[in-house]
C-alpha atoms as a PDB file:
ATOM      1  CA  UNK A   1     -64.886-131.881  97.749  1.00  0.00           C
ATOM      2  CA  UNK A   2     -64.137-129.576  94.883  1.00  0.00           C
ATOM      3  CA  UNK A   3     -65.676-126.155  94.594  1.00  0.00           C
ATOM      4  CA  UNK A   4     -68.197-127.306  91.957  1.00  0.00           C
ATOM      5  CA  UNK A   5     -69.433-129.983  94.166  1.00  0.00           C
ATOM      6  CA  UNK A   6     -69.658-127.991  97.252  1.00  0.00           C
ATOM      7  CA  UNK A   7     -71.601-125.371  95.496  1.00  0.00           C
ATOM      8  CA  UNK A   8     -73.978-127.899  94.231  1.00  0.00           C
ATOM      9  CA  UNK A   9     -74.447-129.004  97.882  1.00  0.00           C
ATOM     10  CA  UNK A  10     -75.045-125.435  99.371  1.00  0.00           C
ATOM     11  CA  UNK A  11     -77.102-124.375  96.395  1.00  0.00           C
ATOM     12  CA  UNK A  12     -79.360-127.292  96.775  1.00  0.00           C
ATOM     13  CA  UNK A  13     -79.932-126.266 100.432  1.00  0.00           C
ATOM     14  CA  UNK A  14     -80.785-122.701  99.377  1.00  0.00           C
ATOM     15  CA  UNK A  15     -83.170-123.902  96.597  1.00  0.00           C
ATOM     16  CA  UNK A  16     -85.000-126.417  98.808  1.00  0.00           C
ATOM     17  CA  UNK A  17     -85.625-123.556 101.452  1.00  0.00           C
ATOM     18  CA  UNK A  18     -86.852-121.327  98.646  1.00  0.00           C
ATOM     19  CA  UNK A  19     -88.911-124.030  96.998  1.00  0.00           C
ATOM     20  CA  UNK A  20     -90.464-125.141 100.359  1.00  0.00           C
ATOM     21  CA  UNK A  21     -91.327-121.445 101.200  1.00  0.00           C
ATOM     22  CA  UNK A  22     -92.858-120.902  97.678  1.00  0.00           C
ATOM     23  CA  UNK A  23     -95.094-123.964  98.441  1.00  0.00           C
ATOM     24  CA  UNK A  24     -95.959-122.573 101.915  1.00  0.00           C
ATOM     25  CA  UNK A  25     -96.594-118.924 100.829  1.00  0.00           C
ATOM     26  CA  UNK A  26     -96.587-118.387  97.305  1.00  0.00           C
ATOM     27  CA  UNK A  27     -94.920-115.685  95.548  1.00  0.00           C
ATOM     28  CA  UNK A  28     -95.961-113.394  98.548  1.00  0.00           C
ATOM     29  CA  UNK A  29     -92.610-111.576  98.163  1.00  0.00           C
ATOM     30  CA  UNK A  30     -93.670-110.321  94.835  1.00  0.00           C
ATOM     31  CA  UNK A  31     -95.332-107.465  96.586  1.00  0.00           C
ATOM     32  CA  UNK A  32     -91.887-106.137  97.951  1.00  0.00           C
ATOM     33  CA  UNK A  33     -90.140-103.252  96.378  1.00  0.00           C
ATOM     34  CA  UNK A  34     -86.559-103.749  95.977  1.00  0.00           C
ATOM     35  CA  UNK A  35     -85.628-101.608  98.894  1.00  0.00           C
ATOM     36  CA  UNK A  36     -87.536-103.522 100.980  1.00  0.00           C
ATOM     37  CA  UNK A  37     -85.610-106.608  99.616  1.00  0.00           C
ATOM     38  CA  UNK A  38     -82.465-104.864 100.367  1.00  0.00           C
ATOM     39  CA  UNK A  39     -83.911-104.266 103.987  1.00  0.00           C
ATOM     40  CA  UNK A  40     -84.478-107.889 104.583  1.00  0.00           C
ATOM     41  CA  UNK A  41     -80.769-108.753 103.496  1.00  0.00           C
ATOM     42  CA  UNK A  42     -79.777-105.922 105.948  1.00  0.00           C
ATOM     43  CA  UNK A  43     -81.703-107.557 108.696  1.00  0.00           C
ATOM     44  CA  UNK A  44     -80.146-111.086 107.980  1.00  0.00           C
ATOM     45  CA  UNK A  45     -76.599-109.792 107.464  1.00  0.00           C
ATOM     46  CA  UNK A  46     -77.046-107.753 110.578  1.00  0.00           C
ATOM     47  CA  UNK A  47     -78.106-110.508 112.686  1.00  0.00           C
ATOM     48  CA  UNK A  48     -75.069-112.803 111.744  1.00  0.00           C
ATOM     49  CA  UNK A  49     -72.614-110.064 112.564  1.00  0.00           C
ATOM     50  CA  UNK A  50     -74.404-109.589 115.824  1.00  0.00           C
ATOM     51  CA  UNK A  51     -74.187-113.437 116.608  1.00  0.00           C
ATOM     52  CA  UNK A  52     -70.350-113.423 115.536  1.00  0.00           C
ATOM     53  CA  UNK A  53     -69.634-110.517 118.022  1.00  0.00           C
ATOM     54  CA  UNK A  54     -71.889-111.729 120.958  1.00  0.00           C
ATOM     55  CA  UNK A  55     -70.830-115.285 120.356  1.00  0.00           C
ATOM     56  CA  UNK A  56     -74.499-116.814 121.152  1.00  0.00           C
ATOM     57  CA  UNK A  57     -77.885-116.793 119.961  1.00  0.00           C
ATOM     58  CA  UNK A  58     -80.751-116.441 122.336  1.00  0.00           C
ATOM     59  CA  UNK A  59     -83.395-117.332 119.523  1.00  0.00           C
ATOM     60  CA  UNK A  60     -81.619-120.716 118.820  1.00  0.00           C
ATOM     61  CA  UNK A  61     -80.989-120.392 115.128  1.00  0.00           C
ATOM     62  CA  UNK A  62     -77.489-120.116 113.992  1.00  0.00           C
ATOM     63  CA  UNK A  63     -76.034-118.050 111.141  1.00  0.00           C
ATOM     64  CA  UNK A  64     -76.365-120.918 108.253  1.00  0.00           C
ATOM     65  CA  UNK A  65     -80.036-120.049 107.918  1.00  0.00           C
ATOM     66  CA  UNK A  66     -79.380-116.372 107.692  1.00  0.00           C
ATOM     67  CA  UNK A  67     -76.785-116.947 104.824  1.00  0.00           C
ATOM     68  CA  UNK A  68     -79.391-119.116 103.034  1.00  0.00           C
ATOM     69  CA  UNK A  69     -81.923-116.144 103.289  1.00  0.00           C
ATOM     70  CA  UNK A  70     -79.201-113.877 101.909  1.00  0.00           C
ATOM     71  CA  UNK A  71     -78.958-115.847  98.880  1.00  0.00           C
ATOM     72  CA  UNK A  72     -82.621-116.454  98.402  1.00  0.00           C
ATOM     73  CA  UNK A  73     -83.524-112.600  98.906  1.00  0.00           C
ATOM     74  CA  UNK A  74     -80.677-111.742  96.715  1.00  0.00           C
ATOM     75  CA  UNK A  75     -82.025-113.867  93.863  1.00  0.00           C
ATOM     76  CA  UNK A  76     -85.452-112.293  94.680  1.00  0.00           C
ATOM     77  CA  UNK A  77     -84.315-108.790  94.319  1.00  0.00           C
ATOM     78  CA  UNK A  78     -82.749-109.804  91.034  1.00  0.00           C
ATOM     79  CA  UNK A  79     -86.048-110.907  89.834  1.00  0.00           C
ATOM     80  CA  UNK A  80     -87.848-107.724  91.248  1.00  0.00           C
ATOM     81  CA  UNK A  81     -85.425-105.625  89.417  1.00  0.00           C
ATOM     82  CA  UNK A  82     -86.298-107.381  86.266  1.00  0.00           C
ATOM     83  CA  UNK A  83     -89.829-107.933  86.450  1.00  0.00           C
ATOM     84  CA  UNK A  84     -90.873-104.826  88.929  1.00  0.00           C
ATOM     85  CA  UNK A  85     -92.836-105.519  92.056  1.00  0.00           C
ATOM     86  CA  UNK A  86     -96.495-106.677  91.928  1.00  0.00           C
ATOM     87  CA  UNK A  87     -99.596-105.327  94.043  1.00  0.00           C
ATOM     88  CA  UNK A  88    -100.692-109.052  94.088  1.00  0.00           C
ATOM     89  CA  UNK A  89     -99.317-112.518  94.092  1.00  0.00           C
ATOM     90  CA  UNK A  90     -98.978-112.702  90.336  1.00  0.00           C
ATOM     91  CA  UNK A  91     -96.713-115.875  89.664  1.00  0.00           C
ATOM     92  CA  UNK A  92     -97.392-119.536  90.068  1.00  0.00           C
ATOM     93  CA  UNK A  93     -95.172-121.435  92.297  1.00  0.00           C
ATOM     94  CA  UNK A  94     -93.682-123.153  89.051  1.00  0.00           C
ATOM     95  CA  UNK A  95     -92.887-120.004  87.533  1.00  0.00           C
ATOM     96  CA  UNK A  96     -91.103-118.665  90.526  1.00  0.00           C
ATOM     97  CA  UNK A  97     -89.121-121.678  90.862  1.00  0.00           C
ATOM     98  CA  UNK A  98     -88.109-121.305  87.234  1.00  0.00           C
ATOM     99  CA  UNK A  99     -87.206-117.613  87.693  1.00  0.00           C
ATOM    100  CA  UNK A 100     -85.079-118.496  90.769  1.00  0.00           C
ATOM    101  CA  UNK A 101     -83.350-121.085  88.778  1.00  0.00           C
ATOM    102  CA  UNK A 102     -82.430-118.876  86.059  1.00  0.00           C
ATOM    103  CA  UNK A 103     -80.826-116.174  88.412  1.00  0.00           C
ATOM    104  CA  UNK A 104     -79.177-118.784  90.400  1.00  0.00           C
ATOM    105  CA  UNK A 105     -77.458-120.172  87.292  1.00  0.00           C
ATOM    106  CA  UNK A 106     -76.527-116.860  86.195  1.00  0.00           C
ATOM    107  CA  UNK A 107     -75.066-116.016  89.763  1.00  0.00           C
ATOM    108  CA  UNK A 108     -73.109-119.717  89.496  1.00  0.00           C
ATOM    109  CA  UNK A 109     -71.892-118.426  86.058  1.00  0.00           C
ATOM    110  CA  UNK A 110     -70.564-115.227  87.546  1.00  0.00           C
ATOM    111  CA  UNK A 111     -69.042-116.805  90.508  1.00  0.00           C
ATOM    112  CA  UNK A 112     -67.140-119.408  88.363  1.00  0.00           C
ATOM    113  CA  UNK A 113     -65.710-116.577  86.112  1.00  0.00           C
ATOM    114  CA  UNK A 114     -64.504-114.383  89.146  1.00  0.00           C
ATOM    115  CA  UNK A 115     -63.294-117.690  90.987  1.00  0.00           C
ATOM    116  CA  UNK A 116     -61.174-118.424  88.113  1.00  0.00           C
ATOM    117  CA  UNK A 117     -59.831-114.921  87.952  1.00  0.00           C
ATOM    118  CA  UNK A 118     -59.223-114.634  91.716  1.00  0.00           C
ATOM    119  CA  UNK A 119     -57.846-118.072  91.901  1.00  0.00           C
ATOM    120  CA  UNK A 120     -60.130-119.232  94.857  1.00  0.00           C
ATOM    121  CA  UNK A 121     -58.876-116.324  97.089  1.00  0.00           C
ATOM    122  CA  UNK A 122     -62.116-116.615  98.976  1.00  0.00           C
ATOM    123  CA  UNK A 123     -60.903-119.908 100.485  1.00  0.00           C
ATOM    124  CA  UNK A 124     -58.387-118.058 102.538  1.00  0.00           C
ATOM    125  CA  UNK A 125     -61.042-115.392 103.733  1.00  0.00           C
ATOM    126  CA  UNK A 126     -62.855-115.473 107.085  1.00  0.00           C
ATOM    127  CA  UNK A 127     -66.626-115.901 107.212  1.00  0.00           C
ATOM    128  CA  UNK A 128     -66.676-112.641 109.191  1.00  0.00           C
ATOM    129  CA  UNK A 129     -65.078-111.018 106.074  1.00  0.00           C
ATOM    130  CA  UNK A 130     -67.877-112.160 103.967  1.00  0.00           C
ATOM    131  CA  UNK A 131     -70.405-110.592 106.190  1.00  0.00           C
ATOM    132  CA  UNK A 132     -68.486-107.329 106.477  1.00  0.00           C
ATOM    133  CA  UNK A 133     -68.628-107.342 102.646  1.00  0.00           C
ATOM    134  CA  UNK A 134     -72.287-107.955 102.390  1.00  0.00           C
ATOM    135  CA  UNK A 135     -72.773-105.050 104.943  1.00  0.00           C
ATOM    136  CA  UNK A 136     -70.900-102.949 102.837  1.00  0.00           C
ATOM    137  CA  UNK A 137     -72.591-103.907  99.743  1.00  0.00           C
ATOM    138  CA  UNK A 138     -75.942-103.421 101.139  1.00  0.00           C
ATOM    139  CA  UNK A 139     -74.916 -99.732 101.860  1.00  0.00           C
ATOM    140  CA  UNK A 140     -73.734 -99.309  98.331  1.00  0.00           C
ATOM    141  CA  UNK A 141     -77.079-100.706  97.301  1.00  0.00           C
ATOM    142  CA  UNK A 142     -79.112 -98.243  99.566  1.00  0.00           C
ATOM    143  CA  UNK A 143     -77.216 -95.659  98.041  1.00  0.00           C
ATOM    144  CA  UNK A 144     -77.710 -96.457  94.549  1.00  0.00           C
ATOM    145  CA  UNK A 145     -81.566 -96.768  95.562  1.00  0.00           C
ATOM    146  CA  UNK A 146     -81.349 -93.456  97.049  1.00  0.00           C
ATOM    147  CA  UNK A 147     -80.224 -91.970  93.518  1.00  0.00           C
ATOM    148  CA  UNK A 148     -82.927 -93.922  91.843  1.00  0.00           C
ATOM    149  CA  UNK A 149     -80.597 -96.468  90.669  1.00  0.00           C
ATOM    150  CA  UNK A 150     -78.574 -94.200  88.718  1.00  0.00           C
ATOM    151  CA  UNK A 151     -74.688 -94.345  88.861  1.00  0.00           C
ATOM    152  CA  UNK A 152     -71.742 -92.545  87.326  1.00  0.00           C
ATOM    153  CA  UNK A 153     -69.257 -95.477  87.185  1.00  0.00           C
ATOM    154  CA  UNK A 154     -70.372 -98.232  89.486  1.00  0.00           C
ATOM    155  CA  UNK A 155     -72.220-101.397  89.059  1.00  0.00           C
ATOM    156  CA  UNK A 156     -75.879-101.431  89.497  1.00  0.00           C
ATOM    157  CA  UNK A 157     -78.112-102.888  92.247  1.00  0.00           C
ATOM    158  CA  UNK A 158     -78.512-106.173  90.384  1.00  0.00           C
ATOM    159  CA  UNK A 159     -74.531-106.578  90.561  1.00  0.00           C
ATOM    160  CA  UNK A 160     -74.475-105.854  94.356  1.00  0.00           C
ATOM    161  CA  UNK A 161     -77.427-108.331  94.856  1.00  0.00           C
ATOM    162  CA  UNK A 162     -75.220-110.825  92.828  1.00  0.00           C
ATOM    163  CA  UNK A 163     -72.069-110.238  94.753  1.00  0.00           C
ATOM    164  CA  UNK A 164     -74.022-110.778  97.997  1.00  0.00           C
ATOM    165  CA  UNK A 165     -75.349-114.006  96.696  1.00  0.00           C
ATOM    166  CA  UNK A 166     -71.854-115.007  96.173  1.00  0.00           C
ATOM    167  CA  UNK A 167     -70.289-114.187  99.354  1.00  0.00           C
ATOM    168  CA  UNK A 168     -73.058-115.880 101.003  1.00  0.00           C
ATOM    169  CA  UNK A 169     -72.590-119.005  98.865  1.00  0.00           C
ATOM    170  CA  UNK A 170     -68.743-118.919  99.947  1.00  0.00           C
ATOM    171  CA  UNK A 171     -69.690-118.594 103.691  1.00  0.00           C
ATOM    172  CA  UNK A 172     -71.937-121.623 103.213  1.00  0.00           C
ATOM    173  CA  UNK A 173     -69.110-123.692 101.485  1.00  0.00           C
ATOM    174  CA  UNK A 174     -67.184-122.836 104.701  1.00  0.00           C
ATOM    175  CA  UNK A 175     -69.718-123.333 107.400  1.00  0.00           C
ATOM    176  CA  UNK A 176     -71.654-126.606 105.898  1.00  0.00           C
ATOM    177  CA  UNK A 177     -69.032-128.452 103.524  1.00  0.00           C
ATOM    178  CA  UNK A 178     -65.786-127.568 105.286  1.00  0.00           C
ATOM    179  CA  UNK A 179     -67.419-128.257 108.562  1.00  0.00           C
ATOM    180  CA  UNK A 180     -68.414-131.805 107.331  1.00  0.00           C
ATOM    181  CA  UNK A 181     -64.786-132.694 106.219  1.00  0.00           C
END
């Protein structure tokens, strides 16, 4: 497989989970403020790191669903930054999935550009490094949130969410696609 095919495979997994949860729950996440989404991503990334360190899961779920969750919450976070949070579930499932697809495509465009410039250096990295980078991005995001979104020189919250999505996609390729070959 090549990177484009692998990305299609793992984004299909993420989108499928998102679509099914949207069917089950609607757009209930629309009530979440971006800070709460950041905390949800933290919970997922911290669980991955905990499982990596401990070497076992007592709940029985592995780390792949957590990386899928980071992708999906990261894209939800970007949507929330653009639309603002809502006091009610204000979007129909079809609209929610269309917004998701729009942000996923932007993430994939950014990933392709960075992948070109960095010459697929991510392939030489360990999954544990992606987790550490995601946790670092979460800390940066929390700091920016504490400053009400203002930065002096750094990228904003949306760029940090986008990086978390992309690191998670890299991890999913390593865990799903490379494990199959």
